[in-house]
């Protein structure tokens, strides 16, 4: 799936929450691939900047905040 397809799935409130969280983790993998770093590093950066564990996000707001952090990493290639 493309980066934008995962974003749409993460933001779709009609999908089951675990499915949306899975798309968020898949998006982390795409960011890691783009930055040529391990996915675990991306997940750690998201957690350190947002306080959100991508393996156990709490709610839709957490998904949105983590999604924003991933988009920032992707656009600015930080991490």
N, C-alpha and C. Protein backbone atom coordinates (compact mmCIF):
# COMPACT_ATOMS: atom_id res chain seq x y z
N UNK A 1 0.85 -1.19 0.00
CA UNK A 1 0.00 0.00 0.00
C UNK A 1 0.88 1.24 0.00
N UNK A 2 0.33 2.31 -0.51
CA UNK A 2 1.06 3.56 -0.55
C UNK A 2 0.96 4.29 0.79
N UNK A 3 1.81 5.29 0.90
CA UNK A 3 1.82 6.10 2.11
C UNK A 3 0.46 6.75 2.34
N UNK A 4 -0.14 7.29 1.28
CA UNK A 4 -1.43 7.96 1.44
C UNK A 4 -2.56 6.97 1.73
N UNK A 5 -2.47 5.75 1.21
CA UNK A 5 -3.48 4.73 1.51
C UNK A 5 -3.48 4.38 2.99
N UNK A 6 -2.28 4.26 3.55
CA UNK A 6 -2.19 3.98 4.99
C UNK A 6 -2.75 5.16 5.79
N UNK A 7 -2.46 6.39 5.36
CA UNK A 7 -2.96 7.57 6.08
C UNK A 7 -4.50 7.56 6.09
N UNK A 8 -5.09 7.27 4.94
CA UNK A 8 -6.56 7.22 4.87
C UNK A 8 -7.12 6.16 5.81
N UNK A 9 -6.48 5.00 5.87
CA UNK A 9 -6.96 3.93 6.74
C UNK A 9 -6.82 4.31 8.22
N UNK A 10 -5.71 4.96 8.57
CA UNK A 10 -5.51 5.40 9.96
C UNK A 10 -6.61 6.38 10.36
N UNK A 11 -7.00 7.24 9.46
CA UNK A 11 -7.99 8.28 9.76
C UNK A 11 -9.44 7.83 9.59
N UNK A 12 -9.67 6.62 9.14
CA UNK A 12 -11.03 6.14 8.88
C UNK A 12 -11.67 5.62 10.17
N UNK A 13 -12.59 6.37 10.76
CA UNK A 13 -13.20 5.95 12.02
C UNK A 13 -14.14 4.75 11.86
N UNK A 14 -14.47 4.39 10.64
CA UNK A 14 -15.33 3.22 10.42
C UNK A 14 -14.57 1.90 10.51
N UNK A 15 -13.25 1.96 10.41
CA UNK A 15 -12.44 0.75 10.54
C UNK A 15 -12.24 0.41 12.02
N UNK A 16 -12.11 -0.86 12.33
CA UNK A 16 -11.81 -1.24 13.73
C UNK A 16 -10.50 -0.59 14.19
N UNK A 17 -10.46 -0.18 15.43
CA UNK A 17 -9.28 0.51 15.96
C UNK A 17 -7.99 -0.28 15.77
N UNK A 18 -7.97 -1.59 16.06
CA UNK A 18 -6.72 -2.34 15.85
C UNK A 18 -6.25 -2.31 14.39
N UNK A 19 -7.18 -2.28 13.48
CA UNK A 19 -6.84 -2.22 12.05
C UNK A 19 -6.20 -0.86 11.72
N UNK A 20 -6.75 0.20 12.28
CA UNK A 20 -6.19 1.53 12.08
C UNK A 20 -4.79 1.63 12.67
N UNK A 21 -4.60 1.05 13.85
CA UNK A 21 -3.28 1.07 14.49
C UNK A 21 -2.27 0.27 13.67
N UNK A 22 -2.70 -0.82 13.07
CA UNK A 22 -1.82 -1.63 12.23
C UNK A 22 -1.36 -0.82 11.01
N UNK A 23 -2.27 -0.06 10.43
CA UNK A 23 -1.89 0.79 9.30
C UNK A 23 -0.88 1.86 9.72
N UNK A 24 -1.00 2.34 10.94
CA UNK A 24 -0.05 3.32 11.45
C UNK A 24 1.35 2.70 11.54
N UNK A 25 1.41 1.48 12.04
CA UNK A 25 2.71 0.79 12.13
C UNK A 25 3.27 0.50 10.73
N UNK A 26 2.40 0.18 9.80
CA UNK A 26 2.86 -0.03 8.42
C UNK A 26 3.41 1.26 7.83
N UNK A 27 2.79 2.35 8.18
CA UNK A 27 3.28 3.65 7.73
C UNK A 27 4.65 3.94 8.33
N UNK A 28 4.87 3.53 9.57
CA UNK A 28 6.18 3.67 10.19
C UNK A 28 7.24 2.90 9.40
N UNK A 29 6.86 1.73 8.90
CA UNK A 29 7.78 0.93 8.10
C UNK A 29 8.15 1.67 6.81
N UNK A 30 7.18 2.32 6.18
CA UNK A 30 7.45 3.08 4.97
C UNK A 30 8.39 4.26 5.25
N UNK A 31 8.19 4.92 6.38
CA UNK A 31 9.08 6.03 6.76
C UNK A 31 10.48 5.49 6.99
N UNK A 32 10.57 4.37 7.68
CA UNK A 32 11.89 3.77 7.94
C UNK A 32 12.59 3.42 6.64
N UNK A 33 11.86 2.88 5.70
CA UNK A 33 12.44 2.53 4.40
C UNK A 33 12.95 3.77 3.69
N UNK A 34 12.17 4.83 3.72
CA UNK A 34 12.57 6.08 3.05
C UNK A 34 13.83 6.65 3.69
N UNK A 35 13.91 6.57 5.01
CA UNK A 35 15.05 7.13 5.73
C UNK A 35 16.22 6.16 5.86
N UNK A 36 16.02 4.92 5.41
CA UNK A 36 17.05 3.88 5.48
C UNK A 36 17.50 3.63 6.93
N UNK A 37 16.51 3.56 7.82
CA UNK A 37 16.77 3.24 9.22
C UNK A 37 15.81 2.13 9.66
N UNK A 38 16.12 1.43 10.74
CA UNK A 38 15.21 0.37 11.21
C UNK A 38 13.87 0.94 11.67
N UNK A 39 12.81 0.16 11.45
CA UNK A 39 11.47 0.57 11.88
C UNK A 39 11.42 0.84 13.37
N UNK A 40 12.15 0.05 14.16
CA UNK A 40 12.16 0.25 15.61
C UNK A 40 12.67 1.63 15.99
N UNK A 41 13.61 2.15 15.20
CA UNK A 41 14.12 3.50 15.46
C UNK A 41 13.01 4.52 15.22
N UNK A 42 12.27 4.35 14.15
CA UNK A 42 11.15 5.26 13.85
C UNK A 42 10.12 5.20 14.99
N UNK A 43 9.79 4.00 15.41
CA UNK A 43 8.82 3.83 16.50
C UNK A 43 9.32 4.50 17.78
N UNK A 44 10.61 4.35 18.07
CA UNK A 44 11.19 4.99 19.26
C UNK A 44 11.15 6.51 19.16
N UNK A 45 11.44 7.06 17.98
CA UNK A 45 11.41 8.51 17.79
C UNK A 45 9.99 9.03 17.99
N UNK A 46 9.01 8.33 17.42
CA UNK A 46 7.61 8.75 17.60
C UNK A 46 7.25 8.75 19.08
N UNK A 47 7.65 7.70 19.78
CA UNK A 47 7.33 7.63 21.21
C UNK A 47 8.03 8.74 22.00
N UNK A 48 9.28 9.02 21.66
CA UNK A 48 10.01 10.05 22.42
C UNK A 48 9.47 11.45 22.13
N UNK A 49 8.95 11.68 20.92
CA UNK A 49 8.45 13.02 20.59
C UNK A 49 6.98 13.23 20.95
N UNK A 50 6.20 12.13 20.97
CA UNK A 50 4.76 12.27 21.22
C UNK A 50 4.29 11.60 22.50
N UNK A 51 5.09 10.67 23.03
CA UNK A 51 4.66 9.90 24.19
C UNK A 51 3.74 8.75 23.82
N UNK A 52 3.62 8.46 22.52
CA UNK A 52 2.70 7.42 22.04
C UNK A 52 3.48 6.19 21.62
N UNK A 53 3.13 5.07 22.21
CA UNK A 53 3.71 3.77 21.84
C UNK A 53 2.91 3.23 20.66
N UNK A 54 3.54 3.12 19.49
CA UNK A 54 2.82 2.65 18.31
C UNK A 54 2.33 1.21 18.45
N UNK A 55 2.87 0.47 19.40
CA UNK A 55 2.40 -0.89 19.63
C UNK A 55 1.15 -0.92 20.50
N UNK A 56 0.84 0.21 21.14
CA UNK A 56 -0.33 0.25 22.02
C UNK A 56 -0.92 1.66 22.09
N UNK A 57 -1.33 2.23 20.95
CA UNK A 57 -1.94 3.56 21.01
C UNK A 57 -3.27 3.49 21.75
N UNK A 58 -3.60 4.57 22.43
CA UNK A 58 -4.79 4.56 23.30
C UNK A 58 -6.10 4.86 22.59
N UNK A 59 -6.05 5.78 21.62
CA UNK A 59 -7.31 6.22 21.00
C UNK A 59 -7.03 6.88 19.66
N UNK A 60 -8.08 7.35 19.02
CA UNK A 60 -7.96 8.00 17.73
C UNK A 60 -7.10 9.25 17.76
N UNK A 61 -7.16 9.99 18.85
CA UNK A 61 -6.33 11.19 18.99
C UNK A 61 -4.85 10.80 18.99
N UNK A 62 -4.53 9.71 19.68
CA UNK A 62 -3.14 9.24 19.69
C UNK A 62 -2.70 8.83 18.28
N UNK A 63 -3.59 8.19 17.54
CA UNK A 63 -3.26 7.82 16.16
C UNK A 63 -2.95 9.06 15.34
N UNK A 64 -3.76 10.09 15.48
CA UNK A 64 -3.55 11.33 14.72
C UNK A 64 -2.23 12.00 15.09
N UNK A 65 -1.93 12.06 16.37
CA UNK A 65 -0.67 12.68 16.80
C UNK A 65 0.53 11.90 16.30
N UNK A 66 0.46 10.59 16.38
CA UNK A 66 1.57 9.76 15.89
C UNK A 66 1.69 9.87 14.37
N UNK A 67 0.56 9.93 13.70
CA UNK A 67 0.56 10.11 12.25
C UNK A 67 1.25 11.41 11.87
N UNK A 68 0.96 12.46 12.60
CA UNK A 68 1.62 13.74 12.36
C UNK A 68 3.12 13.66 12.55
N UNK A 69 3.55 12.94 13.58
CA UNK A 69 4.99 12.78 13.82
C UNK A 69 5.65 12.00 12.67
N UNK A 70 4.97 10.97 12.19
CA UNK A 70 5.50 10.20 11.07
C UNK A 70 5.59 11.05 9.81
N UNK A 71 4.56 11.85 9.57
CA UNK A 71 4.58 12.72 8.39
C UNK A 71 5.71 13.74 8.49
N UNK A 72 5.93 14.27 9.70
CA UNK A 72 7.03 15.22 9.89
C UNK A 72 8.37 14.56 9.62
N UNK A 73 8.55 13.35 10.14
CA UNK A 73 9.80 12.63 9.89
C UNK A 73 10.00 12.39 8.40
N UNK A 74 8.95 12.00 7.74
CA UNK A 74 9.02 11.71 6.31
C UNK A 74 9.37 12.95 5.50
N UNK A 75 8.75 14.06 5.83
CA UNK A 75 8.95 15.29 5.07
C UNK A 75 10.31 15.96 5.40
N UNK A 76 10.73 15.86 6.64
CA UNK A 76 11.94 16.55 7.05
C UNK A 76 13.13 15.62 7.20
N UNK A 77 12.88 14.34 7.05
CA UNK A 77 13.92 13.32 7.13
C UNK A 77 14.76 13.49 8.39
N UNK A 78 14.04 13.57 9.53
CA UNK A 78 14.70 13.64 10.82
C UNK A 78 14.53 12.33 11.53
N UNK A 79 15.34 12.06 12.49
CA UNK A 79 15.18 10.85 13.26
C UNK A 79 16.49 10.29 13.53
